[in-house]
PDB file of N, CA and C in Angstrom:
ATOM      1  N   UNK A   1      85.547  96.599 121.861  1.00  0.00           N
ATOM      2  CA  UNK A   1      86.296  97.497 122.645  1.00  0.00           C
ATOM      3  C   UNK A   1      85.503  98.039 123.877  1.00  0.00           C
ATOM      4  N   UNK A   2      85.896  98.003 125.045  1.00  0.00           N
ATOM      5  CA  UNK A   2      85.203  98.575 126.051  1.00  0.00           C
ATOM      6  C   UNK A   2      85.453  99.975 126.430  1.00  0.00           C
ATOM      7  N   UNK A   3      84.426 100.536 126.911  1.00  0.00           N
ATOM      8  CA  UNK A   3      84.741 101.998 127.227  1.00  0.00           C
ATOM      9  C   UNK A   3      85.073 102.001 128.531  1.00  0.00           C
ATOM     10  N   UNK A   4      85.817 103.057 129.088  1.00  0.00           N
ATOM     11  CA  UNK A   4      86.086 103.132 130.551  1.00  0.00           C
ATOM     12  C   UNK A   4      85.382 104.430 130.969  1.00  0.00           C
ATOM     13  N   UNK A   5      84.712 104.376 132.170  1.00  0.00           N
ATOM     14  CA  UNK A   5      83.969 105.634 132.845  1.00  0.00           C
ATOM     15  C   UNK A   5      84.390 105.888 134.096  1.00  0.00           C
ATOM     16  N   UNK A   6      84.963 106.908 134.215  1.00  0.00           N
ATOM     17  CA  UNK A   6      85.339 107.179 135.729  1.00  0.00           C
ATOM     18  C   UNK A   6      84.368 107.807 136.598  1.00  0.00           C
ATOM     19  N   UNK A   7      84.332 107.271 137.849  1.00  0.00           N
ATOM     20  CA  UNK A   7      83.404 107.935 138.884  1.00  0.00           C
ATOM     21  C   UNK A   7      84.218 108.499 140.033  1.00  0.00           C
ATOM     22  N   UNK A   8      84.009 109.798 140.333  1.00  0.00           N
ATOM     23  CA  UNK A   8      84.904 110.219 141.601  1.00  0.00           C
ATOM     24  C   UNK A   8      83.909 109.944 142.951  1.00  0.00           C
ATOM     25  N   UNK A   9      84.703 109.423 143.832  1.00  0.00           N
ATOM     26  CA  UNK A   9      83.991 109.130 145.087  1.00  0.00           C
ATOM     27  C   UNK A   9      84.865 109.665 146.231  1.00  0.00           C
ATOM     28  N   UNK A  10      84.486 109.910 147.349  1.00  0.00           N
ATOM     29  CA  UNK A  10      85.165 110.228 148.538  1.00  0.00           C
ATOM     30  C   UNK A  10      85.673 109.105 149.167  1.00  0.00           C
ATOM     31  N   UNK A  11      86.349 109.057 150.242  1.00  0.00           N
ATOM     32  CA  UNK A  11      86.798 107.876 150.973  1.00  0.00           C
ATOM     33  C   UNK A  11      85.931 107.188 151.541  1.00  0.00           C
ATOM     34  N   UNK A  12      84.900 107.518 152.297  1.00  0.00           N
ATOM     35  CA  UNK A  12      83.865 106.700 152.820  1.00  0.00           C
ATOM     36  C   UNK A  12      83.032 106.127 151.638  1.00  0.00           C
ATOM     37  N   UNK A  13      82.910 106.622 150.447  1.00  0.00           N
ATOM     38  CA  UNK A  13      82.002 106.107 149.565  1.00  0.00           C
ATOM     39  C   UNK A  13      83.092 104.886 148.943  1.00  0.00           C
ATOM     40  N   UNK A  14      84.111 105.087 148.849  1.00  0.00           N
ATOM     41  CA  UNK A  14      85.270 104.010 148.146  1.00  0.00           C
ATOM     42  C   UNK A  14      85.159 102.722 149.338  1.00  0.00           C
ATOM     43  N   UNK A  15      85.173 103.265 150.548  1.00  0.00           N
ATOM     44  CA  UNK A  15      85.167 102.052 151.573  1.00  0.00           C
ATOM     45  C   UNK A  15      83.813 101.465 151.426  1.00  0.00           C
ATOM     46  N   UNK A  16      82.693 101.942 151.304  1.00  0.00           N
ATOM     47  CA  UNK A  16      81.495 101.269 151.095  1.00  0.00           C
ATOM     48  C   UNK A  16      81.290 100.591 150.079  1.00  0.00           C
ATOM     49  N   UNK A  17      81.803 101.112 148.856  1.00  0.00           N
ATOM     50  CA  UNK A  17      81.969 100.130 147.779  1.00  0.00           C
ATOM     51  C   UNK A  17      82.852  98.861 147.738  1.00  0.00           C
ATOM     52  N   UNK A  18      83.662  99.181 148.376  1.00  0.00           N
ATOM     53  CA  UNK A  18      84.776  97.800 148.255  1.00  0.00           C
ATOM     54  C   UNK A  18      84.198  96.942 149.430  1.00  0.00           C
ATOM     55  N   UNK A  19      83.522  97.176 150.678  1.00  0.00           N
ATOM     56  CA  UNK A  19      82.847  96.205 151.285  1.00  0.00           C
ATOM     57  C   UNK A  19      81.694  95.711 150.611  1.00  0.00           C
ATOM     58  N   UNK A  20      80.936  96.449 149.854  1.00  0.00           N
ATOM     59  CA  UNK A  20      79.999  95.938 149.097  1.00  0.00           C
ATOM     60  C   UNK A  20      80.374  94.944 147.870  1.00  0.00           C
ATOM     61  N   UNK A  21      81.528  95.340 147.480  1.00  0.00           N
ATOM     62  CA  UNK A  21      82.028  94.442 146.365  1.00  0.00           C
ATOM     63  C   UNK A  21      82.564  93.176 146.989  1.00  0.00           C
ATOM     64  N   UNK A  22      83.207  93.286 148.225  1.00  0.00           N
ATOM     65  CA  UNK A  22      83.732  91.956 148.957  1.00  0.00           C
ATOM     66  C   UNK A  22      82.433  91.283 149.340  1.00  0.00           C
ATOM     67  N   UNK A  23      81.310  91.766 149.754  1.00  0.00           N
ATOM     68  CA  UNK A  23      80.294  91.094 150.125  1.00  0.00           C
ATOM     69  C   UNK A  23      79.613  90.205 148.892  1.00  0.00           C
ATOM     70  N   UNK A  24      79.861  90.944 147.722  1.00  0.00           N
ATOM     71  CA  UNK A  24      79.279  90.188 146.447  1.00  0.00           C
ATOM     72  C   UNK A  24      80.479  89.271 145.720  1.00  0.00           C
ATOM     73  N   UNK A  25      81.490  89.447 146.311  1.00  0.00           N
ATOM     74  CA  UNK A  25      82.607  88.525 145.657  1.00  0.00           C
ATOM     75  C   UNK A  25      82.861  89.183 144.370  1.00  0.00           C
ATOM     76  N   UNK A  26      83.198  90.379 144.214  1.00  0.00           N
ATOM     77  CA  UNK A  26      83.492  90.846 142.805  1.00  0.00           C
ATOM     78  C   UNK A  26      84.146  92.226 142.793  1.00  0.00           C
ATOM     79  N   UNK A  27      84.723  92.804 141.915  1.00  0.00           N
ATOM     80  CA  UNK A  27      85.268  94.043 141.709  1.00  0.00           C
ATOM     81  C   UNK A  27      84.454  95.226 141.977  1.00  0.00           C
ATOM     82  N   UNK A  28      84.808  96.182 142.307  1.00  0.00           N
ATOM     83  CA  UNK A  28      84.074  97.679 142.312  1.00  0.00           C
ATOM     84  C   UNK A  28      83.268  97.845 141.138  1.00  0.00           C
ATOM     85  N   UNK A  29      83.898  97.598 139.965  1.00  0.00           N
ATOM     86  CA  UNK A  29      83.518  97.973 138.624  1.00  0.00           C
ATOM     87  C   UNK A  29      82.391  96.984 138.303  1.00  0.00           C
ATOM     88  N   UNK A  30      82.450  95.809 138.594  1.00  0.00           N
ATOM     89  CA  UNK A  30      81.596  94.885 138.458  1.00  0.00           C
ATOM     90  C   UNK A  30      80.275  94.949 139.114  1.00  0.00           C
ATOM     91  N   UNK A  31      80.432  95.476 140.373  1.00  0.00           N
ATOM     92  CA  UNK A  31      79.415  95.855 141.337  1.00  0.00           C
ATOM     93  C   UNK A  31      78.737  97.067 140.847  1.00  0.00           C
ATOM     94  N   UNK A  32      79.275  98.089 140.419  1.00  0.00           N
ATOM     95  CA  UNK A  32      78.764  99.321 139.876  1.00  0.00           C
ATOM     96  C   UNK A  32      77.786  99.023 138.691  1.00  0.00           C
ATOM     97  N   UNK A  33      78.437  98.277 137.880  1.00  0.00           N
ATOM     98  CA  UNK A  33      77.761  97.868 136.600  1.00  0.00           C
ATOM     99  C   UNK A  33      76.554  97.155 136.995  1.00  0.00           C
ATOM    100  N   UNK A  34      76.459  96.138 137.752  1.00  0.00           N
ATOM    101  CA  UNK A  34      75.347  95.336 138.070  1.00  0.00           C
ATOM    102  C   UNK A  34      74.440  96.163 138.921  1.00  0.00           C
ATOM    103  N   UNK A  35      74.804  96.987 139.718  1.00  0.00           N
ATOM    104  CA  UNK A  35      73.817  97.799 140.493  1.00  0.00           C
ATOM    105  C   UNK A  35      73.181  98.840 139.522  1.00  0.00           C
ATOM    106  N   UNK A  36      73.754  99.419 138.625  1.00  0.00           N
ATOM    107  CA  UNK A  36      73.376 100.373 137.679  1.00  0.00           C
ATOM    108  C   UNK A  36      72.141  99.860 136.759  1.00  0.00           C
ATOM    109  N   UNK A  37      72.614  98.438 135.984  1.00  0.00           N
ATOM    110  CA  UNK A  37      71.568  97.910 135.241  1.00  0.00           C
ATOM    111  C   UNK A  37      70.478  97.198 136.054  1.00  0.00           C
ATOM    112  N   UNK A  38      70.627  96.791 137.345  1.00  0.00           N
ATOM    113  CA  UNK A  38      69.500  96.257 137.905  1.00  0.00           C
ATOM    114  C   UNK A  38      68.624  97.458 138.123  1.00  0.00           C
ATOM    115  N   UNK A  39      69.174  98.665 138.474  1.00  0.00           N
ATOM    116  CA  UNK A  39      68.198  99.845 138.622  1.00  0.00           C
ATOM    117  C   UNK A  39      67.682 100.148 137.520  1.00  0.00           C
ATOM    118  N   UNK A  40      68.189 100.199 136.367  1.00  0.00           N
ATOM    119  CA  UNK A  40      67.569 100.577 135.133  1.00  0.00           C
ATOM    120  C   UNK A  40      66.340  99.618 134.867  1.00  0.00           C
ATOM    121  N   UNK A  41      66.611  98.291 135.208  1.00  0.00           N
ATOM    122  CA  UNK A  41      65.622  97.305 134.759  1.00  0.00           C
ATOM    123  C   UNK A  41      64.568  97.416 135.747  1.00  0.00           C
ATOM    124  N   UNK A  42      64.824  97.941 136.992  1.00  0.00           N
ATOM    125  CA  UNK A  42      63.540  98.291 137.741  1.00  0.00           C
ATOM    126  C   UNK A  42      62.666  99.381 137.296  1.00  0.00           C
ATOM    127  N   UNK A  43      63.620 100.510 136.995  1.00  0.00           N
ATOM    128  CA  UNK A  43      62.780 101.625 136.433  1.00  0.00           C
ATOM    129  C   UNK A  43      62.030 101.069 135.239  1.00  0.00           C
ATOM    130  N   UNK A  44      62.433 100.591 134.453  1.00  0.00           N
ATOM    131  CA  UNK A  44      61.670  99.925 133.004  1.00  0.00           C
ATOM    132  C   UNK A  44      60.572  99.303 133.494  1.00  0.00           C
ATOM    133  N   UNK A  45      60.492  98.407 134.490  1.00  0.00           N
ATOM    134  CA  UNK A  45      59.568  97.724 134.820  1.00  0.00           C
ATOM    135  C   UNK A  45      58.445  98.508 135.621  1.00  0.00           C
ATOM    136  N   UNK A  46      58.872  99.532 136.316  1.00  0.00           N
ATOM    137  CA  UNK A  46      57.787 100.488 136.930  1.00  0.00           C
ATOM    138  C   UNK A  46      57.106 101.208 135.953  1.00  0.00           C
ATOM    139  N   UNK A  47      57.838 101.709 134.748  1.00  0.00           N
ATOM    140  CA  UNK A  47      57.400 102.395 133.776  1.00  0.00           C
ATOM    141  C   UNK A  47      56.236 101.713 133.055  1.00  0.00           C
ATOM    142  N   UNK A  48      56.506 100.325 132.727  1.00  0.00           N
ATOM    143  CA  UNK A  48      55.786  99.512 132.196  1.00  0.00           C
ATOM    144  C   UNK A  48      54.591  99.075 132.962  1.00  0.00           C
ATOM    145  N   UNK A  49      54.557  99.052 134.132  1.00  0.00           N
ATOM    146  CA  UNK A  49      53.517  98.678 135.125  1.00  0.00           C
ATOM    147  C   UNK A  49      52.559  99.980 135.036  1.00  0.00           C
ATOM    148  N   UNK A  50      53.193 101.203 135.105  1.00  0.00           N
ATOM    149  CA  UNK A  50      52.460 102.488 135.050  1.00  0.00           C
ATOM    150  C   UNK A  50      51.781 102.565 133.849  1.00  0.00           C
ATOM    151  N   UNK A  51      52.293 102.379 132.663  1.00  0.00           N
ATOM    152  CA  UNK A  51      51.446 102.361 131.336  1.00  0.00           C
ATOM    153  C   UNK A  51      50.517 101.202 131.284  1.00  0.00           C
ATOM    154  N   UNK A  52      50.496 100.009 131.836  1.00  0.00           N
ATOM    155  CA  UNK A  52      49.491  99.203 131.939  1.00  0.00           C
ATOM    156  C   UNK A  52      48.395  99.762 132.688  1.00  0.00           C
ATOM    157  N   UNK A  53      48.486 100.281 133.940  1.00  0.00           N
ATOM    158  CA  UNK A  53      47.588 100.801 134.561  1.00  0.00           C
ATOM    159  C   UNK A  53      46.706 101.810 133.999  1.00  0.00           C
ATOM    160  N   UNK A  54      47.515 102.861 133.208  1.00  0.00           N
ATOM    161  CA  UNK A  54      46.898 103.929 132.593  1.00  0.00           C
ATOM    162  C   UNK A  54      46.061 103.362 131.493  1.00  0.00           C
ATOM    163  N   UNK A  55      46.551 102.524 130.680  1.00  0.00           N
ATOM    164  CA  UNK A  55      45.580 101.859 129.484  1.00  0.00           C
ATOM    165  C   UNK A  55      44.556 101.144 130.091  1.00  0.00           C
ATOM    166  N   UNK A  56      44.776 100.410 131.141  1.00  0.00           N
ATOM    167  CA  UNK A  56      43.594  99.847 131.787  1.00  0.00           C
ATOM    168  C   UNK A  56      42.431 100.820 132.367  1.00  0.00           C
ATOM    169  N   UNK A  57      42.908 101.919 132.913  1.00  0.00           N
ATOM    170  CA  UNK A  57      42.156 102.695 133.478  1.00  0.00           C
ATOM    171  C   UNK A  57      41.264 103.656 132.217  1.00  0.00           C
ATOM    172  N   UNK A  58      41.878 103.824 131.091  1.00  0.00           N
ATOM    173  CA  UNK A  58      41.577 104.482 129.938  1.00  0.00           C
ATOM    174  C   UNK A  58      40.577 103.444 129.267  1.00  0.00           C
ATOM    175  N   UNK A  59      40.672 102.225 129.311  1.00  0.00           N
ATOM    176  CA  UNK A  59      39.879 101.227 128.803  1.00  0.00           C
ATOM    177  C   UNK A  59      40.581 100.953 127.290  1.00  0.00           C
ATOM    178  N   UNK A  60      41.678 101.269 126.960  1.00  0.00           N
ATOM    179  CA  UNK A  60      42.446 101.158 125.736  1.00  0.00           C
ATOM    180  C   UNK A  60      43.146  99.919 125.868  1.00  0.00           C
ATOM    181  N   UNK A  61      43.171  99.118 127.142  1.00  0.00           N
ATOM    182  CA  UNK A  61      43.929  97.914 127.367  1.00  0.00           C
ATOM    183  C   UNK A  61      43.325  96.788 126.523  1.00  0.00           C
ATOM    184  N   UNK A  62      44.238  96.039 125.687  1.00  0.00           N
ATOM    185  CA  UNK A  62      43.644  94.920 124.835  1.00  0.00           C
ATOM    186  C   UNK A  62      44.258  93.695 125.299  1.00  0.00           C
ATOM    187  N   UNK A  63      43.171  92.794 126.001  1.00  0.00           N
ATOM    188  CA  UNK A  63      43.698  91.412 126.446  1.00  0.00           C
ATOM    189  C   UNK A  63      43.300  90.322 125.642  1.00  0.00           C
ATOM    190  N   UNK A  64      43.943  89.453 125.353  1.00  0.00           N
ATOM    191  CA  UNK A  64      43.606  88.394 124.606  1.00  0.00           C
ATOM    192  C   UNK A  64      43.875  87.002 125.439  1.00  0.00           C
ATOM    193  N   UNK A  65      42.853  86.039 125.191  1.00  0.00           N
ATOM    194  CA  UNK A  65      43.001  84.627 126.060  1.00  0.00           C
ATOM    195  C   UNK A  65      44.464  84.162 125.838  1.00  0.00           C
ATOM    196  N   UNK A  66      45.027  83.333 126.868  1.00  0.00           N
ATOM    197  CA  UNK A  66      46.233  82.766 126.934  1.00  0.00           C
ATOM    198  C   UNK A  66      46.326  81.907 125.613  1.00  0.00           C
ATOM    199  N   UNK A  67      45.458  81.141 125.401  1.00  0.00           N
ATOM    200  CA  UNK A  67      45.391  80.258 124.172  1.00  0.00           C
ATOM    201  C   UNK A  67      45.630  81.040 122.756  1.00  0.00           C
ATOM    202  N   UNK A  68      45.067  82.063 122.804  1.00  0.00           N
ATOM    203  CA  UNK A  68      45.211  82.831 121.548  1.00  0.00           C
ATOM    204  C   UNK A  68      46.750  83.430 121.554  1.00  0.00           C
ATOM    205  N   UNK A  69      47.187  83.713 122.649  1.00  0.00           N
ATOM    206  CA  UNK A  69      48.556  84.428 122.666  1.00  0.00           C
ATOM    207  C   UNK A  69      49.651  83.181 122.174  1.00  0.00           C
ATOM    208  N   UNK A  70      49.366  81.704 122.777  1.00  0.00           N
ATOM    209  CA  UNK A  70      50.221  80.739 122.256  1.00  0.00           C
ATOM    210  C   UNK A  70      50.070  80.618 120.906  1.00  0.00           C
ATOM    211  N   UNK A  71      48.888  80.592 120.528  1.00  0.00           N
ATOM    212  CA  UNK A  71      48.811  80.519 118.728  1.00  0.00           C
ATOM    213  C   UNK A  71      49.378  81.709 118.032  1.00  0.00           C
ATOM    214  N   UNK A  72      49.519  82.726 118.527  1.00  0.00           N
ATOM    215  CA  UNK A  72      50.296  83.998 117.709  1.00  0.00           C
ATOM    216  C   UNK A  72      51.627  83.602 117.897  1.00  0.00           C
ATOM    217  N   UNK A  73      52.011  83.158 119.085  1.00  0.00           N
ATOM    218  CA  UNK A  73      53.669  82.927 119.171  1.00  0.00           C
ATOM    219  C   UNK A  73      53.910  81.909 118.327  1.00  0.00           C
ATOM    220  N   UNK A  74      53.283  80.702 118.049  1.00  0.00           N
ATOM    221  CA  UNK A  74      53.450  79.619 117.400  1.00  0.00           C
ATOM    222  C   UNK A  74      53.499  79.957 116.040  1.00  0.00           C
ATOM    223  N   UNK A  75      53.068  81.110 115.264  1.00  0.00           N
ATOM    224  CA  UNK A  75      52.818  81.399 114.012  1.00  0.00           C
ATOM    225  C   UNK A  75      54.234  82.016 113.665  1.00  0.00           C
TER     226      UNK A  75
END
């Protein structure tokens, strides 16, 4: 079952969304889902990069050679 989420926009916002949806050749709902999930993915990536930087700075980052990583994945 799908959930329905309503978002109120003014006329200018509705026109902008429709133009963007036309550009991407999709409906407004699809456009909004796509943009929302892309933004969430970007935020996740930025946080992962930040955590990596902090771990590296603290000296708690554990790196292994590529060949070892492959062996672990094959196990």
